Protein backbone atom coordinates (compact mmCIF):
# COMPACT_ATOMS: atom_id res chain seq x y z
CA UNK A 1 0.00 0.00 0.00
CA UNK A 2 2.84 2.42 0.74
CA UNK A 3 4.22 1.95 -2.75
CA UNK A 4 0.85 2.75 -4.33
CA UNK A 5 0.51 5.94 -2.30
CA UNK A 6 4.00 7.03 -3.34
CA UNK A 7 3.08 6.52 -7.00
CA UNK A 8 -0.09 8.57 -6.60
CA UNK A 9 1.77 11.44 -4.95
CA UNK A 10 4.44 11.42 -7.66
CA UNK A 11 1.81 11.41 -10.39
CA UNK A 12 -0.15 14.27 -8.88
CA UNK A 13 2.97 16.43 -8.58
CA UNK A 14 3.69 16.05 -12.29
CA UNK A 15 0.22 17.06 -13.49
CA UNK A 16 -1.31 20.36 -12.50
CA UNK A 17 -4.79 19.70 -13.92
CA UNK A 18 -7.45 17.60 -12.26
CA UNK A 19 -8.96 16.47 -15.55
CA UNK A 20 -7.73 16.23 -19.13
CA UNK A 21 -10.24 16.06 -21.96
CA UNK A 22 -8.83 14.57 -25.16
CA UNK A 23 -10.36 15.53 -28.49
CA UNK A 24 -9.23 13.86 -31.71
CA UNK A 25 -10.00 15.74 -34.91
CA UNK A 26 -9.62 15.16 -38.63
CA UNK A 27 -11.43 17.33 -41.17
CA UNK A 28 -14.00 18.28 -38.53
CA UNK A 29 -14.46 21.91 -39.54
CA UNK A 30 -18.26 21.67 -39.39
CA UNK A 31 -18.42 19.81 -36.05
CA UNK A 32 -15.40 20.72 -33.93
CA UNK A 33 -16.88 23.99 -32.64
CA UNK A 34 -19.92 22.16 -31.23
CA UNK A 35 -17.63 19.65 -29.55
CA UNK A 36 -15.33 22.25 -27.98
CA UNK A 37 -18.17 24.56 -26.99
CA UNK A 38 -19.86 21.69 -25.17
CA UNK A 39 -16.66 21.30 -23.14
CA UNK A 40 -16.58 25.07 -22.57
CA UNK A 41 -20.13 24.97 -21.18
CA UNK A 42 -19.12 22.72 -18.29
CA UNK A 43 -19.24 24.24 -14.83
CA UNK A 44 -16.64 22.66 -12.58
CA UNK A 45 -14.85 23.21 -9.33
CA UNK A 46 -11.67 21.60 -10.65
CA UNK A 47 -9.10 22.46 -13.30
CA UNK A 48 -9.45 21.14 -16.83
CA UNK A 49 -6.92 20.82 -19.61
CA UNK A 50 -8.23 20.30 -23.14
CA UNK A 51 -5.85 18.34 -25.35
CA UNK A 52 -6.82 18.62 -29.00
CA UNK A 53 -5.04 16.50 -31.60
CA UNK A 54 -5.62 17.52 -35.19
CA UNK A 55 -4.44 14.72 -37.47
CA UNK A 56 -3.40 16.78 -40.51
CA UNK A 57 -6.81 18.16 -41.47
CA UNK A 58 -7.09 19.67 -44.93
CA UNK A 59 -10.01 21.94 -44.07
CA UNK A 60 -10.34 24.81 -41.55
CA UNK A 61 -10.45 22.60 -38.45
CA UNK A 62 -7.26 24.04 -36.93
CA UNK A 63 -8.45 27.62 -37.39
CA UNK A 64 -11.71 26.82 -35.57
CA UNK A 65 -9.83 25.05 -32.75
CA UNK A 66 -7.42 27.96 -32.30
CA UNK A 67 -10.25 30.53 -32.26
CA UNK A 68 -12.02 28.72 -29.45
CA UNK A 69 -8.81 27.97 -27.55
CA UNK A 70 -7.74 31.62 -27.65
CA UNK A 71 -10.74 32.71 -25.55
CA UNK A 72 -11.21 29.60 -23.43
CA UNK A 73 -11.50 29.52 -19.66
CA UNK A 74 -9.62 26.18 -19.77
CA UNK A 75 -6.02 25.45 -20.65
CA UNK A 76 -5.63 24.14 -24.18
CA UNK A 77 -2.82 22.10 -25.67
CA UNK A 78 -3.32 21.88 -29.43
CA UNK A 79 -1.22 19.42 -31.40
CA UNK A 80 -1.29 19.71 -35.18
CA UNK A 81 0.29 17.08 -37.39
CA UNK A 82 2.01 17.62 -40.72
CA UNK A 83 1.35 14.00 -41.69
CA UNK A 84 -1.74 11.93 -40.90
CA UNK A 85 -0.73 9.79 -37.93
CA UNK A 86 -3.75 7.48 -37.91
CA UNK A 87 -3.18 6.55 -41.54
CA UNK A 88 0.53 6.05 -40.86
CA UNK A 89 0.41 4.26 -37.47
CA UNK A 90 -3.18 3.31 -36.71
CA UNK A 91 -4.05 3.67 -33.02
CA UNK A 92 -0.36 3.43 -32.03
CA UNK A 93 -0.18 7.22 -32.28
CA UNK A 94 -2.14 7.42 -29.01
CA UNK A 95 0.97 6.67 -26.95
CA UNK A 96 2.87 9.45 -28.74
CA UNK A 97 -0.05 11.78 -28.12
CA UNK A 98 0.14 11.00 -24.41
CA UNK A 99 3.85 11.85 -24.42
CA UNK A 100 3.23 15.15 -26.21
CA UNK A 101 0.49 16.15 -23.80
CA UNK A 102 3.07 16.84 -21.06
PDB file of N, CA and C in Angstrom:
ATOM      1  N   UNK A   1       0.817  -1.197   0.000  1.00  0.00           N
ATOM      2  CA  UNK A   1       0.000   0.000   0.000  1.00  0.00           C
ATOM      3  C   UNK A   1       0.859   1.259   0.000  1.00  0.00           C
ATOM      4  N   UNK A   2       1.971   1.245   0.718  1.00  0.00           N
ATOM      5  CA  UNK A   2       2.843   2.421   0.744  1.00  0.00           C
ATOM      6  C   UNK A   2       3.365   2.741  -0.635  1.00  0.00           C
ATOM      7  N   UNK A   3       3.708   1.724  -1.400  1.00  0.00           N
ATOM      8  CA  UNK A   3       4.225   1.951  -2.750  1.00  0.00           C
ATOM      9  C   UNK A   3       3.170   2.611  -3.631  1.00  0.00           C
ATOM     10  N   UNK A   4       1.935   2.161  -3.551  1.00  0.00           N
ATOM     11  CA  UNK A   4       0.846   2.746  -4.331  1.00  0.00           C
ATOM     12  C   UNK A   4       0.653   4.213  -3.971  1.00  0.00           C
ATOM     13  N   UNK A   5       0.666   4.547  -2.717  1.00  0.00           N
ATOM     14  CA  UNK A   5       0.508   5.941  -2.305  1.00  0.00           C
ATOM     15  C   UNK A   5       1.646   6.804  -2.826  1.00  0.00           C
ATOM     16  N   UNK A   6       2.856   6.283  -2.814  1.00  0.00           N
ATOM     17  CA  UNK A   6       4.000   7.027  -3.339  1.00  0.00           C
ATOM     18  C   UNK A   6       3.814   7.311  -4.826  1.00  0.00           C
ATOM     19  N   UNK A   7       3.324   6.337  -5.568  1.00  0.00           N
ATOM     20  CA  UNK A   7       3.083   6.516  -6.998  1.00  0.00           C
ATOM     21  C   UNK A   7       2.020   7.586  -7.223  1.00  0.00           C
ATOM     22  N   UNK A   8       0.965   7.563  -6.455  1.00  0.00           N
ATOM     23  CA  UNK A   8      -0.093   8.567  -6.596  1.00  0.00           C
ATOM     24  C   UNK A   8       0.429   9.968  -6.313  1.00  0.00           C
ATOM     25  N   UNK A   9       1.222  10.122  -5.277  1.00  0.00           N
ATOM     26  CA  UNK A   9       1.774  11.439  -4.952  1.00  0.00           C
ATOM     27  C   UNK A   9       2.699  11.923  -6.051  1.00  0.00           C
ATOM     28  N   UNK A  10       3.530  11.043  -6.580  1.00  0.00           N
ATOM     29  CA  UNK A  10       4.444  11.421  -7.658  1.00  0.00           C
ATOM     30  C   UNK A  10       3.659  11.843  -8.891  1.00  0.00           C
ATOM     31  N   UNK A  11       2.621  11.093  -9.221  1.00  0.00           N
ATOM     32  CA  UNK A  11       1.814  11.413 -10.393  1.00  0.00           C
ATOM     33  C   UNK A  11       1.137  12.762 -10.224  1.00  0.00           C
ATOM     34  N   UNK A  12       0.577  13.026  -9.070  1.00  0.00           N
ATOM     35  CA  UNK A  12      -0.149  14.274  -8.882  1.00  0.00           C
ATOM     36  C   UNK A  12       0.788  15.480  -8.899  1.00  0.00           C
ATOM     37  N   UNK A  13       2.022  15.326  -8.531  1.00  0.00           N
ATOM     38  CA  UNK A  13       2.971  16.433  -8.580  1.00  0.00           C
ATOM     39  C   UNK A  13       3.329  16.794 -10.013  1.00  0.00           C
ATOM     40  N   UNK A  14       3.299  15.824 -10.906  1.00  0.00           N
ATOM     41  CA  UNK A  14       3.691  16.052 -12.293  1.00  0.00           C
ATOM     42  C   UNK A  14       2.583  16.725 -13.101  1.00  0.00           C
ATOM     43  N   UNK A  15       1.356  16.555 -12.715  1.00  0.00           N
ATOM     44  CA  UNK A  15       0.223  17.058 -13.488  1.00  0.00           C
ATOM     45  C   UNK A  15      -0.525  18.108 -12.681  1.00  0.00           C
ATOM     46  N   UNK A  16      -0.690  19.277 -13.241  1.00  0.00           N
ATOM     47  CA  UNK A  16      -1.314  20.364 -12.501  1.00  0.00           C
ATOM     48  C   UNK A  16      -2.818  20.443 -12.728  1.00  0.00           C
ATOM     49  N   UNK A  17      -3.358  19.676 -13.647  1.00  0.00           N
ATOM     50  CA  UNK A  17      -4.795  19.698 -13.918  1.00  0.00           C
ATOM     51  C   UNK A  17      -5.465  18.489 -13.288  1.00  0.00           C
ATOM     52  N   UNK A  18      -6.685  18.696 -12.855  1.00  0.00           N
ATOM     53  CA  UNK A  18      -7.448  17.603 -12.261  1.00  0.00           C
ATOM     54  C   UNK A  18      -8.067  16.688 -13.310  1.00  0.00           C
ATOM     55  N   UNK A  19      -8.305  17.235 -14.492  1.00  0.00           N
ATOM     56  CA  UNK A  19      -8.965  16.471 -15.553  1.00  0.00           C
ATOM     57  C   UNK A  19      -8.400  16.897 -16.900  1.00  0.00           C
ATOM     58  N   UNK A  20      -8.140  15.931 -17.759  1.00  0.00           N
ATOM     59  CA  UNK A  20      -7.727  16.231 -19.131  1.00  0.00           C
ATOM     60  C   UNK A  20      -8.766  15.651 -20.074  1.00  0.00           C
ATOM     61  N   UNK A  21      -9.283  16.496 -20.943  1.00  0.00           N
ATOM     62  CA  UNK A  21     -10.243  16.059 -21.956  1.00  0.00           C
ATOM     63  C   UNK A  21      -9.485  15.955 -23.272  1.00  0.00           C
ATOM     64  N   UNK A  22      -9.540  14.794 -23.907  1.00  0.00           N
ATOM     65  CA  UNK A  22      -8.828  14.565 -25.155  1.00  0.00           C
ATOM     66  C   UNK A  22      -9.825  14.590 -26.304  1.00  0.00           C
ATOM     67  N   UNK A  23      -9.510  15.420 -27.310  1.00  0.00           N
ATOM     68  CA  UNK A  23     -10.359  15.529 -28.494  1.00  0.00           C
ATOM     69  C   UNK A  23      -9.495  15.213 -29.706  1.00  0.00           C
ATOM     70  N   UNK A  24      -9.917  14.219 -30.474  1.00  0.00           N
ATOM     71  CA  UNK A  24      -9.226  13.860 -31.711  1.00  0.00           C
ATOM     72  C   UNK A  24     -10.014  14.432 -32.880  1.00  0.00           C
ATOM     73  N   UNK A  25      -9.300  15.086 -33.800  1.00  0.00           N
ATOM     74  CA  UNK A  25      -9.998  15.739 -34.914  1.00  0.00           C
ATOM     75  C   UNK A  25      -9.304  15.457 -36.232  1.00  0.00           C
ATOM     76  N   UNK A  26     -10.108  15.272 -37.260  1.00  0.00           N
ATOM     77  CA  UNK A  26      -9.616  15.164 -38.631  1.00  0.00           C
ATOM     78  C   UNK A  26     -10.724  15.662 -39.553  1.00  0.00           C
ATOM     79  N   UNK A  27     -10.454  16.744 -40.250  1.00  0.00           N
ATOM     80  CA  UNK A  27     -11.431  17.334 -41.168  1.00  0.00           C
ATOM     81  C   UNK A  27     -12.800  17.483 -40.499  1.00  0.00           C
ATOM     82  N   UNK A  28     -12.792  18.127 -39.332  1.00  0.00           N
ATOM     83  CA  UNK A  28     -14.005  18.276 -38.530  1.00  0.00           C
ATOM     84  C   UNK A  28     -14.478  19.722 -38.477  1.00  0.00           C
ATOM     85  N   UNK A  29     -14.146  20.477 -39.493  1.00  0.00           N
ATOM     86  CA  UNK A  29     -14.462  21.910 -39.538  1.00  0.00           C
ATOM     87  C   UNK A  29     -15.909  22.208 -39.157  1.00  0.00           C
ATOM     88  N   UNK A  30     -16.838  21.394 -39.605  1.00  0.00           N
ATOM     89  CA  UNK A  30     -18.264  21.672 -39.385  1.00  0.00           C
ATOM     90  C   UNK A  30     -18.773  21.180 -38.036  1.00  0.00           C
ATOM     91  N   UNK A  31     -17.951  20.412 -37.296  1.00  0.00           N
ATOM     92  CA  UNK A  31     -18.420  19.807 -36.049  1.00  0.00           C
ATOM     93  C   UNK A  31     -17.563  20.138 -34.837  1.00  0.00           C
ATOM     94  N   UNK A  32     -16.322  20.554 -35.041  1.00  0.00           N
ATOM     95  CA  UNK A  32     -15.399  20.720 -33.926  1.00  0.00           C
ATOM     96  C   UNK A  32     -15.833  21.846 -32.982  1.00  0.00           C
ATOM     97  N   UNK A  33     -16.425  22.890 -33.508  1.00  0.00           N
ATOM     98  CA  UNK A  33     -16.880  23.989 -32.640  1.00  0.00           C
ATOM     99  C   UNK A  33     -17.936  23.487 -31.661  1.00  0.00           C
ATOM    100  N   UNK A  34     -18.895  22.710 -32.126  1.00  0.00           N
ATOM    101  CA  UNK A  34     -19.920  22.161 -31.226  1.00  0.00           C
ATOM    102  C   UNK A  34     -19.288  21.303 -30.135  1.00  0.00           C
ATOM    103  N   UNK A  35     -18.312  20.509 -30.518  1.00  0.00           N
ATOM    104  CA  UNK A  35     -17.628  19.648 -29.551  1.00  0.00           C
ATOM    105  C   UNK A  35     -16.918  20.484 -28.492  1.00  0.00           C
ATOM    106  N   UNK A  36     -16.101  21.439 -28.931  1.00  0.00           N
ATOM    107  CA  UNK A  36     -15.327  22.247 -27.984  1.00  0.00           C
ATOM    108  C   UNK A  36     -16.220  23.163 -27.152  1.00  0.00           C
ATOM    109  N   UNK A  37     -17.268  23.699 -27.755  1.00  0.00           N
ATOM    110  CA  UNK A  37     -18.169  24.563 -26.991  1.00  0.00           C
ATOM    111  C   UNK A  37     -18.962  23.785 -25.944  1.00  0.00           C
ATOM    112  N   UNK A  38     -19.192  22.505 -26.198  1.00  0.00           N
ATOM    113  CA  UNK A  38     -19.855  21.686 -25.173  1.00  0.00           C
ATOM    114  C   UNK A  38     -18.924  21.473 -23.983  1.00  0.00           C
ATOM    115  N   UNK A  39     -17.632  21.378 -24.240  1.00  0.00           N
ATOM    116  CA  UNK A  39     -16.664  21.303 -23.140  1.00  0.00           C
ATOM    117  C   UNK A  39     -16.637  22.636 -22.401  1.00  0.00           C
ATOM    118  N   UNK A  40     -16.614  23.726 -23.161  1.00  0.00           N
ATOM    119  CA  UNK A  40     -16.584  25.069 -22.566  1.00  0.00           C
ATOM    120  C   UNK A  40     -17.794  25.332 -21.667  1.00  0.00           C
ATOM    121  N   UNK A  41     -18.907  24.705 -21.951  1.00  0.00           N
ATOM    122  CA  UNK A  41     -20.129  24.968 -21.185  1.00  0.00           C
ATOM    123  C   UNK A  41     -20.137  24.274 -19.823  1.00  0.00           C
ATOM    124  N   UNK A  42     -19.160  23.431 -19.565  1.00  0.00           N
ATOM    125  CA  UNK A  42     -19.119  22.718 -18.290  1.00  0.00           C
ATOM    126  C   UNK A  42     -18.789  23.663 -17.142  1.00  0.00           C
ATOM    127  N   UNK A  43     -19.497  23.484 -16.055  1.00  0.00           N
ATOM    128  CA  UNK A  43     -19.240  24.245 -14.833  1.00  0.00           C
ATOM    129  C   UNK A  43     -18.598  23.268 -13.856  1.00  0.00           C
ATOM    130  N   UNK A  44     -17.370  23.573 -13.449  1.00  0.00           N
ATOM    131  CA  UNK A  44     -16.640  22.658 -12.582  1.00  0.00           C
ATOM    132  C   UNK A  44     -16.021  23.407 -11.412  1.00  0.00           C
ATOM    133  N   UNK A  45     -15.616  22.646 -10.427  1.00  0.00           N
ATOM    134  CA  UNK A  45     -14.847  23.211  -9.331  1.00  0.00           C
ATOM    135  C   UNK A  45     -13.445  22.606  -9.323  1.00  0.00           C
ATOM    136  N   UNK A  46     -13.002  22.160 -10.486  1.00  0.00           N
ATOM    137  CA  UNK A  46     -11.667  21.598 -10.647  1.00  0.00           C
ATOM    138  C   UNK A  46     -11.080  22.075 -11.981  1.00  0.00           C
ATOM    139  N   UNK A  47      -9.765  21.958 -12.097  1.00  0.00           N
ATOM    140  CA  UNK A  47      -9.098  22.458 -13.299  1.00  0.00           C
ATOM    141  C   UNK A  47      -9.174  21.440 -14.436  1.00  0.00           C
ATOM    142  N   UNK A  48      -9.333  21.975 -15.631  1.00  0.00           N
ATOM    143  CA  UNK A  48      -9.449  21.136 -16.826  1.00  0.00           C
ATOM    144  C   UNK A  48      -8.426  21.582 -17.855  1.00  0.00           C
ATOM    145  N   UNK A  49      -7.798  20.594 -18.459  1.00  0.00           N
ATOM    146  CA  UNK A  49      -6.925  20.821 -19.610  1.00  0.00           C
ATOM    147  C   UNK A  49      -7.613  20.163 -20.796  1.00  0.00           C
ATOM    148  N   UNK A  50      -7.648  20.854 -21.924  1.00  0.00           N
ATOM    149  CA  UNK A  50      -8.233  20.305 -23.144  1.00  0.00           C
ATOM    150  C   UNK A  50      -7.084  20.029 -24.108  1.00  0.00           C
ATOM    151  N   UNK A  51      -6.896  18.771 -24.420  1.00  0.00           N
ATOM    152  CA  UNK A  51      -5.854  18.339 -25.346  1.00  0.00           C
ATOM    153  C   UNK A  51      -6.522  18.026 -26.672  1.00  0.00           C
ATOM    154  N   UNK A  52      -6.212  18.817 -27.688  1.00  0.00           N
ATOM    155  CA  UNK A  52      -6.818  18.617 -29.005  1.00  0.00           C
ATOM    156  C   UNK A  52      -5.733  18.162 -29.961  1.00  0.00           C
ATOM    157  N   UNK A  53      -5.975  17.037 -30.607  1.00  0.00           N
ATOM    158  CA  UNK A  53      -5.041  16.496 -31.596  1.00  0.00           C
ATOM    159  C   UNK A  53      -5.694  16.580 -32.966  1.00  0.00           C
ATOM    160  N   UNK A  54      -5.143  17.444 -33.815  1.00  0.00           N
ATOM    161  CA  UNK A  54      -5.619  17.524 -35.194  1.00  0.00           C
ATOM    162  C   UNK A  54      -4.679  16.687 -36.057  1.00  0.00           C
ATOM    163  N   UNK A  55      -5.237  15.700 -36.724  1.00  0.00           N
ATOM    164  CA  UNK A  55      -4.438  14.725 -37.466  1.00  0.00           C
ATOM    165  C   UNK A  55      -4.289  15.107 -38.933  1.00  0.00           C
ATOM    166  N   UNK A  56      -3.726  16.301 -39.167  1.00  0.00           N
ATOM    167  CA  UNK A  56      -3.403  16.779 -40.514  1.00  0.00           C
ATOM    168  C   UNK A  56      -4.665  17.068 -41.344  1.00  0.00           C
ATOM    169  N   UNK A  57      -5.593  17.790 -40.748  1.00  0.00           N
ATOM    170  CA  UNK A  57      -6.815  18.161 -41.469  1.00  0.00           C
ATOM    171  C   UNK A  57      -6.476  19.027 -42.673  1.00  0.00           C
ATOM    172  N   UNK A  58      -7.273  18.879 -43.709  1.00  0.00           N
ATOM    173  CA  UNK A  58      -7.086  19.669 -44.927  1.00  0.00           C
ATOM    174  C   UNK A  58      -8.137  20.772 -45.060  1.00  0.00           C
ATOM    175  N   UNK A  59      -8.994  20.891 -44.061  1.00  0.00           N
ATOM    176  CA  UNK A  59     -10.007  21.944 -44.067  1.00  0.00           C
ATOM    177  C   UNK A  59      -9.640  22.999 -43.022  1.00  0.00           C
ATOM    178  N   UNK A  60     -10.599  23.715 -42.494  1.00  0.00           N
ATOM    179  CA  UNK A  60     -10.343  24.808 -41.550  1.00  0.00           C
ATOM    180  C   UNK A  60     -10.455  24.379 -40.080  1.00  0.00           C
ATOM    181  N   UNK A  61     -10.315  23.104 -39.817  1.00  0.00           N
ATOM    182  CA  UNK A  61     -10.447  22.596 -38.446  1.00  0.00           C
ATOM    183  C   UNK A  61      -9.499  23.299 -37.480  1.00  0.00           C
ATOM    184  N   UNK A  62      -8.249  23.442 -37.840  1.00  0.00           N
ATOM    185  CA  UNK A  62      -7.257  24.040 -36.935  1.00  0.00           C
ATOM    186  C   UNK A  62      -7.595  25.496 -36.633  1.00  0.00           C
ATOM    187  N   UNK A  63      -8.063  26.219 -37.610  1.00  0.00           N
ATOM    188  CA  UNK A  63      -8.450  27.616 -37.388  1.00  0.00           C
ATOM    189  C   UNK A  63      -9.586  27.691 -36.370  1.00  0.00           C
ATOM    190  N   UNK A  64     -10.575  26.835 -36.500  1.00  0.00           N
ATOM    191  CA  UNK A  64     -11.713  26.820 -35.567  1.00  0.00           C
ATOM    192  C   UNK A  64     -11.228  26.464 -34.156  1.00  0.00           C
ATOM    193  N   UNK A  65     -10.375  25.460 -34.058  1.00  0.00           N
ATOM    194  CA  UNK A  65      -9.830  25.053 -32.754  1.00  0.00           C
ATOM    195  C   UNK A  65      -9.095  26.221 -32.099  1.00  0.00           C
ATOM    196  N   UNK A  66      -8.220  26.862 -32.852  1.00  0.00           N
ATOM    197  CA  UNK A  66      -7.416  27.957 -32.304  1.00  0.00           C
ATOM    198  C   UNK A  66      -8.274  29.152 -31.892  1.00  0.00           C
ATOM    199  N   UNK A  67      -9.334  29.437 -32.635  1.00  0.00           N
ATOM    200  CA  UNK A  67     -10.247  30.530 -32.263  1.00  0.00           C
ATOM    201  C   UNK A  67     -10.901  30.269 -30.910  1.00  0.00           C
ATOM    202  N   UNK A  68     -11.358  29.061 -30.714  1.00  0.00           N
ATOM    203  CA  UNK A  68     -12.016  28.724 -29.451  1.00  0.00           C
ATOM    204  C   UNK A  68     -10.992  28.669 -28.319  1.00  0.00           C
ATOM    205  N   UNK A  69      -9.846  28.085 -28.583  1.00  0.00           N
ATOM    206  CA  UNK A  69      -8.806  27.967 -27.554  1.00  0.00           C
ATOM    207  C   UNK A  69      -8.307  29.330 -27.087  1.00  0.00           C
ATOM    208  N   UNK A  70      -8.288  30.299 -27.991  1.00  0.00           N
ATOM    209  CA  UNK A  70      -7.737  31.618 -27.647  1.00  0.00           C
ATOM    210  C   UNK A  70      -8.593  32.381 -26.632  1.00  0.00           C
ATOM    211  N   UNK A  71      -9.856  32.021 -26.502  1.00  0.00           N
ATOM    212  CA  UNK A  71     -10.736  32.710 -25.554  1.00  0.00           C
ATOM    213  C   UNK A  71     -11.267  31.785 -24.459  1.00  0.00           C
ATOM    214  N   UNK A  72     -10.698  30.608 -24.360  1.00  0.00           N
ATOM    215  CA  UNK A  72     -11.212  29.602 -23.430  1.00  0.00           C
ATOM    216  C   UNK A  72     -10.883  29.909 -21.977  1.00  0.00           C
ATOM    217  N   UNK A  73     -11.761  29.446 -21.098  1.00  0.00           N
ATOM    218  CA  UNK A  73     -11.499  29.523 -19.661  1.00  0.00           C
ATOM    219  C   UNK A  73     -10.628  28.350 -19.209  1.00  0.00           C
ATOM    220  N   UNK A  74     -10.445  27.355 -20.069  1.00  0.00           N
ATOM    221  CA  UNK A  74      -9.624  26.182 -19.773  1.00  0.00           C
ATOM    222  C   UNK A  74      -8.278  26.289 -20.481  1.00  0.00           C
ATOM    223  N   UNK A  75      -7.319  25.520 -19.984  1.00  0.00           N
ATOM    224  CA  UNK A  75      -6.016  25.449 -20.648  1.00  0.00           C
ATOM    225  C   UNK A  75      -6.123  24.505 -21.838  1.00  0.00           C
ATOM    226  N   UNK A  76      -5.633  24.956 -22.974  1.00  0.00           N
ATOM    227  CA  UNK A  76      -5.631  24.139 -24.183  1.00  0.00           C
ATOM    228  C   UNK A  76      -4.217  23.760 -24.563  1.00  0.00           C
ATOM    229  N   UNK A  77      -4.059  22.555 -25.047  1.00  0.00           N
ATOM    230  CA  UNK A  77      -2.820  22.101 -25.668  1.00  0.00           C
ATOM    231  C   UNK A  77      -3.250  21.551 -27.024  1.00  0.00           C
ATOM    232  N   UNK A  78      -2.905  22.265 -28.079  1.00  0.00           N
ATOM    233  CA  UNK A  78      -3.322  21.878 -29.432  1.00  0.00           C
ATOM    234  C   UNK A  78      -2.119  21.303 -30.159  1.00  0.00           C
ATOM    235  N   UNK A  79      -2.270  20.084 -30.643  1.00  0.00           N
ATOM    236  CA  UNK A  79      -1.221  19.419 -31.401  1.00  0.00           C
ATOM    237  C   UNK A  79      -1.712  19.294 -32.837  1.00  0.00           C
ATOM    238  N   UNK A  80      -0.935  19.819 -33.764  1.00  0.00           N
ATOM    239  CA  UNK A  80      -1.287  19.705 -35.180  1.00  0.00           C
ATOM    240  C   UNK A  80      -0.206  18.891 -35.880  1.00  0.00           C
ATOM    241  N   UNK A  81      -0.629  17.969 -36.674  1.00  0.00           N
ATOM    242  CA  UNK A  81       0.289  17.084 -37.386  1.00  0.00           C
ATOM    243  C   UNK A  81       0.512  17.566 -38.814  1.00  0.00           C
ATOM    244  N   UNK A  82       1.699  17.311 -39.327  1.00  0.00           N
ATOM    245  CA  UNK A  82       2.015  17.621 -40.724  1.00  0.00           C
ATOM    246  C   UNK A  82       1.778  16.411 -41.617  1.00  0.00           C
ATOM    247  N   UNK A  83       1.634  15.246 -40.982  1.00  0.00           N
ATOM    248  CA  UNK A  83       1.354  14.003 -41.694  1.00  0.00           C
ATOM    249  C   UNK A  83       0.314  13.236 -40.892  1.00  0.00           C
ATOM    250  N   UNK A  84      -0.654  12.640 -41.572  1.00  0.00           N
ATOM    251  CA  UNK A  84      -1.737  11.925 -40.904  1.00  0.00           C
ATOM    252  C   UNK A  84      -1.189  10.736 -40.120  1.00  0.00           C
ATOM    253  N   UNK A  85      -1.287  10.814 -38.797  1.00  0.00           N
ATOM    254  CA  UNK A  85      -0.730   9.792 -37.926  1.00  0.00           C
ATOM    255  C   UNK A  85      -1.581   8.529 -37.866  1.00  0.00           C
ATOM    256  N   UNK A  86      -2.899   8.667 -37.948  1.00  0.00           N
ATOM    257  CA  UNK A  86      -3.749   7.476 -37.915  1.00  0.00           C
ATOM    258  C   UNK A  86      -3.510   6.635 -39.157  1.00  0.00           C
ATOM    259  N   UNK A  87      -3.426   7.279 -40.295  1.00  0.00           N
ATOM    260  CA  UNK A  87      -3.176   6.552 -41.537  1.00  0.00           C
ATOM    261  C   UNK A  87      -1.813   5.870 -41.500  1.00  0.00           C
ATOM    262  N   UNK A  88      -0.843   6.546 -40.902  1.00  0.00           N
ATOM    263  CA  UNK A  88       0.530   6.047 -40.855  1.00  0.00           C
ATOM    264  C   UNK A  88       0.716   4.958 -39.802  1.00  0.00           C
ATOM    265  N   UNK A  89       0.134   5.149 -38.602  1.00  0.00           N
ATOM    266  CA  UNK A  89       0.413   4.258 -37.472  1.00  0.00           C
ATOM    267  C   UNK A  89      -0.806   3.613 -36.838  1.00  0.00           C
ATOM    268  N   UNK A  90      -1.991   3.846 -37.352  1.00  0.00           N
ATOM    269  CA  UNK A  90      -3.182   3.313 -36.705  1.00  0.00           C
ATOM    270  C   UNK A  90      -3.325   3.911 -35.318  1.00  0.00           C
ATOM    271  N   UNK A  91      -3.833   3.156 -34.377  1.00  0.00           N
ATOM    272  CA  UNK A  91      -4.047   3.673 -33.024  1.00  0.00           C
ATOM    273  C   UNK A  91      -2.757   3.757 -32.209  1.00  0.00           C
ATOM    274  N   UNK A  92      -1.627   3.320 -32.757  1.00  0.00           N
ATOM    275  CA  UNK A  92      -0.360   3.426 -32.030  1.00  0.00           C
ATOM    276  C   UNK A  92       0.039   4.871 -31.770  1.00  0.00           C
ATOM    277  N   UNK A  93      -0.531   5.810 -32.507  1.00  0.00           N
ATOM    278  CA  UNK A  93      -0.181   7.215 -32.281  1.00  0.00           C
ATOM    279  C   UNK A  93      -0.684   7.708 -30.922  1.00  0.00           C
ATOM    280  N   UNK A  94      -1.588   6.988 -30.297  1.00  0.00           N
ATOM    281  CA  UNK A  94      -2.142   7.423 -29.011  1.00  0.00           C
ATOM    282  C   UNK A  94      -1.061   7.513 -27.936  1.00  0.00           C
ATOM    283  N   UNK A  95      -0.109   6.607 -27.930  1.00  0.00           N
ATOM    284  CA  UNK A  95       0.971   6.667 -26.948  1.00  0.00           C
ATOM    285  C   UNK A  95       1.810   7.920 -27.175  1.00  0.00           C
ATOM    286  N   UNK A  96       2.111   8.244 -28.411  1.00  0.00           N
ATOM    287  CA  UNK A  96       2.867   9.446 -28.740  1.00  0.00           C
ATOM    288  C   UNK A  96       2.086  10.693 -28.327  1.00  0.00           C
ATOM    289  N   UNK A  97       0.802  10.670 -28.525  1.00  0.00           N
ATOM    290  CA  UNK A  97      -0.053  11.777 -28.122  1.00  0.00           C
ATOM    291  C   UNK A  97       0.027  11.982 -26.610  1.00  0.00           C
ATOM    292  N   UNK A  98       0.011  10.906 -25.857  1.00  0.00           N
ATOM    293  CA  UNK A  98       0.139  10.998 -24.412  1.00  0.00           C
ATOM    294  C   UNK A  98       1.470  11.647 -24.036  1.00  0.00           C
ATOM    295  N   UNK A  99       2.533  11.272 -24.711  1.00  0.00           N
ATOM    296  CA  UNK A  99       3.851  11.849 -24.423  1.00  0.00           C
ATOM    297  C   UNK A  99       3.877  13.352 -24.738  1.00  0.00           C
ATOM    298  N   UNK A 100       3.240  13.749 -25.816  1.00  0.00           N
ATOM    299  CA  UNK A 100       3.229  15.153 -26.213  1.00  0.00           C
ATOM    300  C   UNK A 100       2.359  16.007 -25.305  1.00  0.00           C
ATOM    301  N   UNK A 101       1.442  15.389 -24.594  1.00  0.00           N
ATOM    302  CA  UNK A 101       0.487  16.154 -23.798  1.00  0.00           C
ATOM    303  C   UNK A 101       1.130  16.835 -22.595  1.00  0.00           C
ATOM    304  N   UNK A 102       2.280  16.324 -22.170  1.00  0.00           N
ATOM    305  CA  UNK A 102       3.073  16.841 -21.058  1.00  0.00           C
ATOM    306  C   UNK A 102       2.478  17.943 -20.378  1.00  0.00           C
TER     307      UNK A 102
END
